[in-house]
């Protein structure tokens, strides 16, 4: 039987959430990893292999695009609001 691995996704964290939201939900990479994993599981699809890259604090450390199937760039803290 062939094992099908999920897509390899690099999540580039361009900012951090507001502190009160980060305490509750984690970083932007955590948000997206959770959404992608839950969606794949609900749809009975291969769960993606997500890695987080802190490009805000380490702007010279980017992943090699050849190592990934997709690259997701996070938003900024001003794009997230409390409800």
PDB file of N, CA and C in Angstrom:
ATOM      1  N   UNK A   1       0.839  -1.176   0.000  1.00  0.00           N
ATOM      2  CA  UNK A   1       0.000   0.000   0.000  1.00  0.00           C
ATOM      3  C   UNK A   1       0.887   1.243   0.000  1.00  0.00           C
ATOM      4  N   UNK A   2       0.572   2.212  -0.840  1.00  0.00           N
ATOM      5  CA  UNK A   2       1.326   3.453  -0.932  1.00  0.00           C
ATOM      6  C   UNK A   2       0.812   4.445   0.109  1.00  0.00           C
ATOM      7  N   UNK A   3       1.719   5.024   0.859  1.00  0.00           N
ATOM      8  CA  UNK A   3       1.337   6.038   1.842  1.00  0.00           C
ATOM      9  C   UNK A   3       1.391   7.395   1.165  1.00  0.00           C
ATOM     10  N   UNK A   4       0.271   8.093   1.188  1.00  0.00           N
ATOM     11  CA  UNK A   4       0.217   9.419   0.587  1.00  0.00           C
ATOM     12  C   UNK A   4       0.369  10.444   1.697  1.00  0.00           C
ATOM     13  N   UNK A   5       1.424  11.223   1.613  1.00  0.00           N
ATOM     14  CA  UNK A   5       1.608  12.252   2.634  1.00  0.00           C
ATOM     15  C   UNK A   5       0.880  13.507   2.182  1.00  0.00           C
ATOM     16  N   UNK A   6       0.553  14.329   3.151  1.00  0.00           N
ATOM     17  CA  UNK A   6      -0.139  15.574   2.846  1.00  0.00           C
ATOM     18  C   UNK A   6       0.790  16.579   2.203  1.00  0.00           C
ATOM     19  N   UNK A   7       0.201  17.642   1.697  1.00  0.00           N
ATOM     20  CA  UNK A   7       1.033  18.678   1.084  1.00  0.00           C
ATOM     21  C   UNK A   7       1.961  19.321   2.110  1.00  0.00           C
ATOM     22  N   UNK A   8       3.122  19.717   1.651  1.00  0.00           N
ATOM     23  CA  UNK A   8       4.100  20.395   2.511  1.00  0.00           C
ATOM     24  C   UNK A   8       3.859  21.899   2.376  1.00  0.00           C
ATOM     25  N   UNK A   9       3.498  22.527   3.485  1.00  0.00           N
ATOM     26  CA  UNK A   9       3.151  23.946   3.463  1.00  0.00           C
ATOM     27  C   UNK A   9       4.062  24.725   4.405  1.00  0.00           C
ATOM     28  N   UNK A  10       4.723  25.744   3.870  1.00  0.00           N
ATOM     29  CA  UNK A  10       5.528  26.666   4.696  1.00  0.00           C
ATOM     30  C   UNK A  10       4.632  27.847   5.049  1.00  0.00           C
ATOM     31  N   UNK A  11       4.505  28.108   6.338  1.00  0.00           N
ATOM     32  CA  UNK A  11       3.707  29.246   6.797  1.00  0.00           C
ATOM     33  C   UNK A  11       4.677  30.341   7.224  1.00  0.00           C
ATOM     34  N   UNK A  12       4.675  31.447   6.479  1.00  0.00           N
ATOM     35  CA  UNK A  12       5.550  32.573   6.796  1.00  0.00           C
ATOM     36  C   UNK A  12       4.811  33.519   7.739  1.00  0.00           C
ATOM     37  N   UNK A  13       5.303  33.627   8.957  1.00  0.00           N
ATOM     38  CA  UNK A  13       4.675  34.496   9.961  1.00  0.00           C
ATOM     39  C   UNK A  13       5.262  35.901   9.820  1.00  0.00           C
ATOM     40  N   UNK A  14       4.477  36.796   9.208  1.00  0.00           N
ATOM     41  CA  UNK A  14       4.938  38.157   8.942  1.00  0.00           C
ATOM     42  C   UNK A  14       4.704  39.111  10.117  1.00  0.00           C
ATOM     43  N   UNK A  15       3.993  38.643  11.122  1.00  0.00           N
ATOM     44  CA  UNK A  15       3.710  39.468  12.306  1.00  0.00           C
ATOM     45  C   UNK A  15       3.251  38.529  13.409  1.00  0.00           C
ATOM     46  N   UNK A  16       2.940  39.085  14.551  1.00  0.00           N
ATOM     47  CA  UNK A  16       2.375  38.311  15.655  1.00  0.00           C
ATOM     48  C   UNK A  16       1.001  38.883  15.982  1.00  0.00           C
ATOM     49  N   UNK A  17       0.090  38.018  16.450  1.00  0.00           N
ATOM     50  CA  UNK A  17      -1.227  38.521  16.829  1.00  0.00           C
ATOM     51  C   UNK A  17      -1.132  39.443  18.043  1.00  0.00           C
ATOM     52  N   UNK A  18      -2.232  40.137  18.308  1.00  0.00           N
ATOM     53  CA  UNK A  18      -2.293  40.931  19.537  1.00  0.00           C
ATOM     54  C   UNK A  18      -2.045  39.986  20.708  1.00  0.00           C
ATOM     55  N   UNK A  19      -1.360  40.448  21.772  1.00  0.00           N
ATOM     56  CA  UNK A  19      -0.976  39.557  22.868  1.00  0.00           C
ATOM     57  C   UNK A  19      -2.129  38.746  23.459  1.00  0.00           C
ATOM     58  N   UNK A  20      -3.281  39.372  23.643  1.00  0.00           N
ATOM     59  CA  UNK A  20      -4.403  38.641  24.246  1.00  0.00           C
ATOM     60  C   UNK A  20      -4.922  37.524  23.333  1.00  0.00           C
ATOM     61  N   UNK A  21      -4.811  37.702  22.028  1.00  0.00           N
ATOM     62  CA  UNK A  21      -5.222  36.646  21.103  1.00  0.00           C
ATOM     63  C   UNK A  21      -4.155  35.565  20.986  1.00  0.00           C
ATOM     64  N   UNK A  22      -2.899  35.972  21.049  1.00  0.00           N
ATOM     65  CA  UNK A  22      -1.823  34.970  20.992  1.00  0.00           C
ATOM     66  C   UNK A  22      -1.882  34.047  22.209  1.00  0.00           C
ATOM     67  N   UNK A  23      -2.227  34.595  23.363  1.00  0.00           N
ATOM     68  CA  UNK A  23      -2.360  33.758  24.564  1.00  0.00           C
ATOM     69  C   UNK A  23      -3.455  32.706  24.383  1.00  0.00           C
ATOM     70  N   UNK A  24      -4.538  33.080  23.738  1.00  0.00           N
ATOM     71  CA  UNK A  24      -5.663  32.160  23.544  1.00  0.00           C
ATOM     72  C   UNK A  24      -5.454  31.187  22.396  1.00  0.00           C
ATOM     73  N   UNK A  25      -4.890  31.669  21.281  1.00  0.00           N
ATOM     74  CA  UNK A  25      -4.881  30.875  20.056  1.00  0.00           C
ATOM     75  C   UNK A  25      -3.504  30.566  19.480  1.00  0.00           C
ATOM     76  N   UNK A  26      -2.466  31.167  20.030  1.00  0.00           N
ATOM     77  CA  UNK A  26      -1.129  30.937  19.502  1.00  0.00           C
ATOM     78  C   UNK A  26      -0.772  31.929  18.415  1.00  0.00           C
ATOM     79  N   UNK A  27       0.242  31.596  17.643  1.00  0.00           N
ATOM     80  CA  UNK A  27       0.739  32.476  16.582  1.00  0.00           C
ATOM     81  C   UNK A  27      -0.130  32.335  15.331  1.00  0.00           C
ATOM     82  N   UNK A  28       0.128  33.178  14.337  1.00  0.00           N
ATOM     83  CA  UNK A  28      -0.585  33.044  13.070  1.00  0.00           C
ATOM     84  C   UNK A  28      -0.334  31.669  12.455  1.00  0.00           C
ATOM     85  N   UNK A  29       0.877  31.178  12.587  1.00  0.00           N
ATOM     86  CA  UNK A  29       1.175  29.838  12.079  1.00  0.00           C
ATOM     87  C   UNK A  29       0.336  28.774  12.762  1.00  0.00           C
ATOM     88  N   UNK A  30       0.121  28.945  14.066  1.00  0.00           N
ATOM     89  CA  UNK A  30      -0.740  28.006  14.803  1.00  0.00           C
ATOM     90  C   UNK A  30      -2.176  28.074  14.290  1.00  0.00           C
ATOM     91  N   UNK A  31      -2.684  29.298  14.040  1.00  0.00           N
ATOM     92  CA  UNK A  31      -4.050  29.471  13.502  1.00  0.00           C
ATOM     93  C   UNK A  31      -4.195  28.665  12.212  1.00  0.00           C
ATOM     94  N   UNK A  32      -3.283  28.929  11.271  1.00  0.00           N
ATOM     95  CA  UNK A  32      -3.396  28.306   9.955  1.00  0.00           C
ATOM     96  C   UNK A  32      -3.176  26.800  10.011  1.00  0.00           C
ATOM     97  N   UNK A  33      -2.228  26.352  10.815  1.00  0.00           N
ATOM     98  CA  UNK A  33      -1.993  24.912  10.946  1.00  0.00           C
ATOM     99  C   UNK A  33      -3.264  24.224  11.435  1.00  0.00           C
ATOM    100  N   UNK A  34      -3.898  24.808  12.434  1.00  0.00           N
ATOM    101  CA  UNK A  34      -5.128  24.245  12.993  1.00  0.00           C
ATOM    102  C   UNK A  34      -6.246  24.221  11.931  1.00  0.00           C
ATOM    103  N   UNK A  35      -6.432  25.334  11.227  1.00  0.00           N
ATOM    104  CA  UNK A  35      -7.474  25.397  10.195  1.00  0.00           C
ATOM    105  C   UNK A  35      -7.230  24.384   9.077  1.00  0.00           C
ATOM    106  N   UNK A  36      -6.005  24.299   8.606  1.00  0.00           N
ATOM    107  CA  UNK A  36      -5.686  23.381   7.518  1.00  0.00           C
ATOM    108  C   UNK A  36      -5.812  21.922   7.949  1.00  0.00           C
ATOM    109  N   UNK A  37      -5.348  21.619   9.153  1.00  0.00           N
ATOM    110  CA  UNK A  37      -5.434  20.252   9.664  1.00  0.00           C
ATOM    111  C   UNK A  37      -6.881  19.843   9.892  1.00  0.00           C
ATOM    112  N   UNK A  38      -7.663  20.703  10.546  1.00  0.00           N
ATOM    113  CA  UNK A  38      -9.071  20.388  10.818  1.00  0.00           C
ATOM    114  C   UNK A  38      -9.866  20.229   9.524  1.00  0.00           C
ATOM    115  N   UNK A  39      -9.596  21.098   8.548  1.00  0.00           N
ATOM    116  CA  UNK A  39     -10.302  21.018   7.261  1.00  0.00           C
ATOM    117  C   UNK A  39      -9.958  19.733   6.523  1.00  0.00           C
ATOM    118  N   UNK A  40      -8.691  19.381   6.504  1.00  0.00           N
ATOM    119  CA  UNK A  40      -8.277  18.146   5.825  1.00  0.00           C
ATOM    120  C   UNK A  40      -8.888  16.929   6.510  1.00  0.00           C
ATOM    121  N   UNK A  41      -8.894  16.928   7.824  1.00  0.00           N
ATOM    122  CA  UNK A  41      -9.465  15.809   8.574  1.00  0.00           C
ATOM    123  C   UNK A  41     -10.960  15.689   8.305  1.00  0.00           C
ATOM    124  N   UNK A  42     -11.668  16.816   8.344  1.00  0.00           N
ATOM    125  CA  UNK A  42     -13.125  16.808   8.101  1.00  0.00           C
ATOM    126  C   UNK A  42     -13.439  16.339   6.685  1.00  0.00           C
ATOM    127  N   UNK A  43     -12.595  16.678   5.748  1.00  0.00           N
ATOM    128  CA  UNK A  43     -12.807  16.287   4.353  1.00  0.00           C
ATOM    129  C   UNK A  43     -12.190  14.948   3.999  1.00  0.00           C
ATOM    130  N   UNK A  44     -11.643  14.272   5.008  1.00  0.00           N
ATOM    131  CA  UNK A  44     -10.985  12.982   4.823  1.00  0.00           C
ATOM    132  C   UNK A  44      -9.876  13.058   3.771  1.00  0.00           C
ATOM    133  N   UNK A  45      -9.096  14.137   3.856  1.00  0.00           N
ATOM    134  CA  UNK A  45      -7.963  14.363   2.961  1.00  0.00           C
ATOM    135  C   UNK A  45      -6.663  14.156   3.720  1.00  0.00           C
ATOM    136  N   UNK A  46      -5.563  14.123   3.005  1.00  0.00           N
ATOM    137  CA  UNK A  46      -4.256  14.011   3.651  1.00  0.00           C
ATOM    138  C   UNK A  46      -3.997  15.274   4.463  1.00  0.00           C
ATOM    139  N   UNK A  47      -3.560  15.091   5.680  1.00  0.00           N
ATOM    140  CA  UNK A  47      -3.270  16.232   6.556  1.00  0.00           C
ATOM    141  C   UNK A  47      -1.960  16.879   6.101  1.00  0.00           C
ATOM    142  N   UNK A  48      -1.972  18.200   5.927  1.00  0.00           N
ATOM    143  CA  UNK A  48      -0.753  18.873   5.462  1.00  0.00           C
ATOM    144  C   UNK A  48       0.355  18.854   6.509  1.00  0.00           C
ATOM    145  N   UNK A  49       1.569  18.874   6.018  1.00  0.00           N
ATOM    146  CA  UNK A  49       2.742  18.993   6.880  1.00  0.00           C
ATOM    147  C   UNK A  49       3.125  20.470   6.892  1.00  0.00           C
ATOM    148  N   UNK A  50       2.751  21.171   7.953  1.00  0.00           N
ATOM    149  CA  UNK A  50       2.966  22.621   8.035  1.00  0.00           C
ATOM    150  C   UNK A  50       4.195  22.940   8.880  1.00  0.00           C
ATOM    151  N   UNK A  51       5.007  23.851   8.401  1.00  0.00           N
ATOM    152  CA  UNK A  51       6.115  24.369   9.189  1.00  0.00           C
ATOM    153  C   UNK A  51       5.976  25.882   9.261  1.00  0.00           C
ATOM    154  N   UNK A  52       6.328  26.437  10.407  1.00  0.00           N
ATOM    155  CA  UNK A  52       6.231  27.881  10.618  1.00  0.00           C
ATOM    156  C   UNK A  52       7.602  28.522  10.446  1.00  0.00           C
ATOM    157  N   UNK A  53       7.604  29.702   9.816  1.00  0.00           N
ATOM    158  CA  UNK A  53       8.834  30.464   9.585  1.00  0.00           C
ATOM    159  C   UNK A  53       8.610  31.882  10.086  1.00  0.00           C
ATOM    160  N   UNK A  54       9.331  32.275  11.108  1.00  0.00           N
ATOM    161  CA  UNK A  54       9.199  33.614  11.690  1.00  0.00           C
ATOM    162  C   UNK A  54      10.026  34.602  10.864  1.00  0.00           C
ATOM    163  N   UNK A  55       9.379  35.152   9.834  1.00  0.00           N
ATOM    164  CA  UNK A  55      10.100  36.095   8.970  1.00  0.00           C
ATOM    165  C   UNK A  55      10.064  37.523   9.516  1.00  0.00           C
ATOM    166  N   UNK A  56       9.245  37.749  10.538  1.00  0.00           N
ATOM    167  CA  UNK A  56       9.202  39.070  11.174  1.00  0.00           C
ATOM    168  C   UNK A  56      10.513  39.323  11.922  1.00  0.00           C
ATOM    169  N   UNK A  57      10.906  38.355  12.747  1.00  0.00           N
ATOM    170  CA  UNK A  57      12.122  38.505  13.551  1.00  0.00           C
ATOM    171  C   UNK A  57      13.378  38.018  12.828  1.00  0.00           C
ATOM    172  N   UNK A  58      13.194  37.171  11.839  1.00  0.00           N
ATOM    173  CA  UNK A  58      14.333  36.607  11.098  1.00  0.00           C
ATOM    174  C   UNK A  58      14.102  36.802   9.593  1.00  0.00           C
ATOM    175  N   UNK A  59      14.174  38.030   9.123  1.00  0.00           N
ATOM    176  CA  UNK A  59      13.843  38.327   7.720  1.00  0.00           C
ATOM    177  C   UNK A  59      14.805  37.711   6.696  1.00  0.00           C
ATOM    178  N   UNK A  60      15.919  37.182   7.146  1.00  0.00           N
ATOM    179  CA  UNK A  60      16.867  36.558   6.221  1.00  0.00           C
ATOM    180  C   UNK A  60      16.726  35.039   6.169  1.00  0.00           C
ATOM    181  N   UNK A  61      15.753  34.498   6.902  1.00  0.00           N
ATOM    182  CA  UNK A  61      15.581  33.042   6.954  1.00  0.00           C
ATOM    183  C   UNK A  61      14.250  32.651   6.331  1.00  0.00           C
ATOM    184  N   UNK A  62      14.304  32.393   5.031  1.00  0.00           N
ATOM    185  CA  UNK A  62      13.128  31.948   4.293  1.00  0.00           C
ATOM    186  C   UNK A  62      13.314  30.492   3.896  1.00  0.00           C
ATOM    187  N   UNK A  63      12.211  29.750   3.762  1.00  0.00           N
ATOM    188  CA  UNK A  63      12.335  28.368   3.310  1.00  0.00           C
ATOM    189  C   UNK A  63      12.681  28.310   1.823  1.00  0.00           C
ATOM    190  N   UNK A  64      13.241  27.205   1.415  1.00  0.00           N
ATOM    191  CA  UNK A  64      13.521  26.972   0.001  1.00  0.00           C
ATOM    192  C   UNK A  64      12.208  26.549  -0.660  1.00  0.00           C
ATOM    193  N   UNK A  65      11.693  27.324  -1.605  1.00  0.00           N
ATOM    194  CA  UNK A  65      10.418  26.985  -2.245  1.00  0.00           C
ATOM    195  C   UNK A  65      10.386  25.574  -2.850  1.00  0.00           C
ATOM    196  N   UNK A  66      11.528  25.058  -3.241  1.00  0.00           N
ATOM    197  CA  UNK A  66      11.583  23.718  -3.830  1.00  0.00           C
ATOM    198  C   UNK A  66      11.219  22.629  -2.813  1.00  0.00           C
ATOM    199  N   UNK A  67      11.299  22.948  -1.528  1.00  0.00           N
ATOM    200  CA  UNK A  67      11.000  21.971  -0.478  1.00  0.00           C
ATOM    201  C   UNK A  67       9.520  21.925  -0.106  1.00  0.00           C
ATOM    202  N   UNK A  68       8.695  22.777  -0.724  1.00  0.00           N
ATOM    203  CA  UNK A  68       7.293  22.890  -0.323  1.00  0.00           C
ATOM    204  C   UNK A  68       6.356  22.844  -1.522  1.00  0.00           C
ATOM    205  N   UNK A  69       5.134  22.437  -1.245  1.00  0.00           N
ATOM    206  CA  UNK A  69       4.087  22.425  -2.260  1.00  0.00           C
ATOM    207  C   UNK A  69       3.339  23.758  -2.284  1.00  0.00           C
ATOM    208  N   UNK A  70       3.363  24.469  -1.157  1.00  0.00           N
ATOM    209  CA  UNK A  70       2.675  25.765  -1.058  1.00  0.00           C
ATOM    210  C   UNK A  70       3.359  26.613   0.010  1.00  0.00           C
ATOM    211  N   UNK A  71       3.245  27.918  -0.176  1.00  0.00           N
ATOM    212  CA  UNK A  71       3.748  28.863   0.824  1.00  0.00           C
ATOM    213  C   UNK A  71       2.594  29.798   1.176  1.00  0.00           C
ATOM    214  N   UNK A  72       2.303  29.905   2.467  1.00  0.00           N
ATOM    215  CA  UNK A  72       1.225  30.754   2.962  1.00  0.00           C
ATOM    216  C   UNK A  72       1.862  31.895   3.742  1.00  0.00           C
ATOM    217  N   UNK A  73       1.484  33.120   3.441  1.00  0.00           N
ATOM    218  CA  UNK A  73       2.023  34.280   4.152  1.00  0.00           C
ATOM    219  C   UNK A  73       0.936  34.813   5.072  1.00  0.00           C
ATOM    220  N   UNK A  74       1.250  34.899   6.364  1.00  0.00           N
ATOM    221  CA  UNK A  74       0.250  35.332   7.343  1.00  0.00           C
ATOM    222  C   UNK A  74      -0.060  36.817   7.203  1.00  0.00           C
ATOM    223  N   UNK A  75      -1.141  37.197   7.854  1.00  0.00           N
ATOM    224  CA  UNK A  75      -1.534  38.609   7.891  1.00  0.00           C
ATOM    225  C   UNK A  75      -0.772  39.347   8.962  1.00  0.00           C
ATOM    226  N   UNK A  76      -1.298  40.496   9.308  1.00  0.00           N
ATOM    227  CA  UNK A  76      -0.684  41.301  10.366  1.00  0.00           C
ATOM    228  C   UNK A  76      -1.676  41.444  11.500  1.00  0.00           C
ATOM    229  N   UNK A  77      -1.182  41.883  12.649  1.00  0.00           N
ATOM    230  CA  UNK A  77      -2.036  41.988  13.827  1.00  0.00           C
ATOM    231  C   UNK A  77      -3.200  42.945  13.613  1.00  0.00           C
ATOM    232  N   UNK A  78      -3.063  43.892  12.710  1.00  0.00           N
ATOM    233  CA  UNK A  78      -4.160  44.826  12.472  1.00  0.00           C
ATOM    234  C   UNK A  78      -5.277  44.190  11.654  1.00  0.00           C
ATOM    235  N   UNK A  79      -5.035  42.985  11.114  1.00  0.00           N
ATOM    236  CA  UNK A  79      -6.092  42.319  10.347  1.00  0.00           C
ATOM    237  C   UNK A  79      -6.964  41.432  11.224  1.00  0.00           C
ATOM    238  N   UNK A  80      -6.636  41.313  12.512  1.00  0.00           N
ATOM    239  CA  UNK A  80      -7.397  40.474  13.442  1.00  0.00           C
ATOM    240  C   UNK A  80      -7.989  41.384  14.523  1.00  0.00           C
ATOM    241  N   UNK A  81      -9.266  41.224  14.768  1.00  0.00           N
ATOM    242  CA  UNK A  81      -9.918  42.035  15.810  1.00  0.00           C
ATOM    243  C   UNK A  81     -10.650  41.149  16.784  1.00  0.00           C
ATOM    244  N   UNK A  82     -10.866  41.659  17.990  1.00  0.00           N
ATOM    245  CA  UNK A  82     -11.630  40.944  19.000  1.00  0.00           C
ATOM    246  C   UNK A  82     -13.109  41.050  18.678  1.00  0.00           C
ATOM    247  N   UNK A  83     -13.844  39.999  19.023  1.00  0.00           N
ATOM    248  CA  UNK A  83     -15.304  40.045  18.853  1.00  0.00           C
ATOM    249  C   UNK A  83     -15.961  39.980  20.196  1.00  0.00           C
TER     250      UNK A  83
END
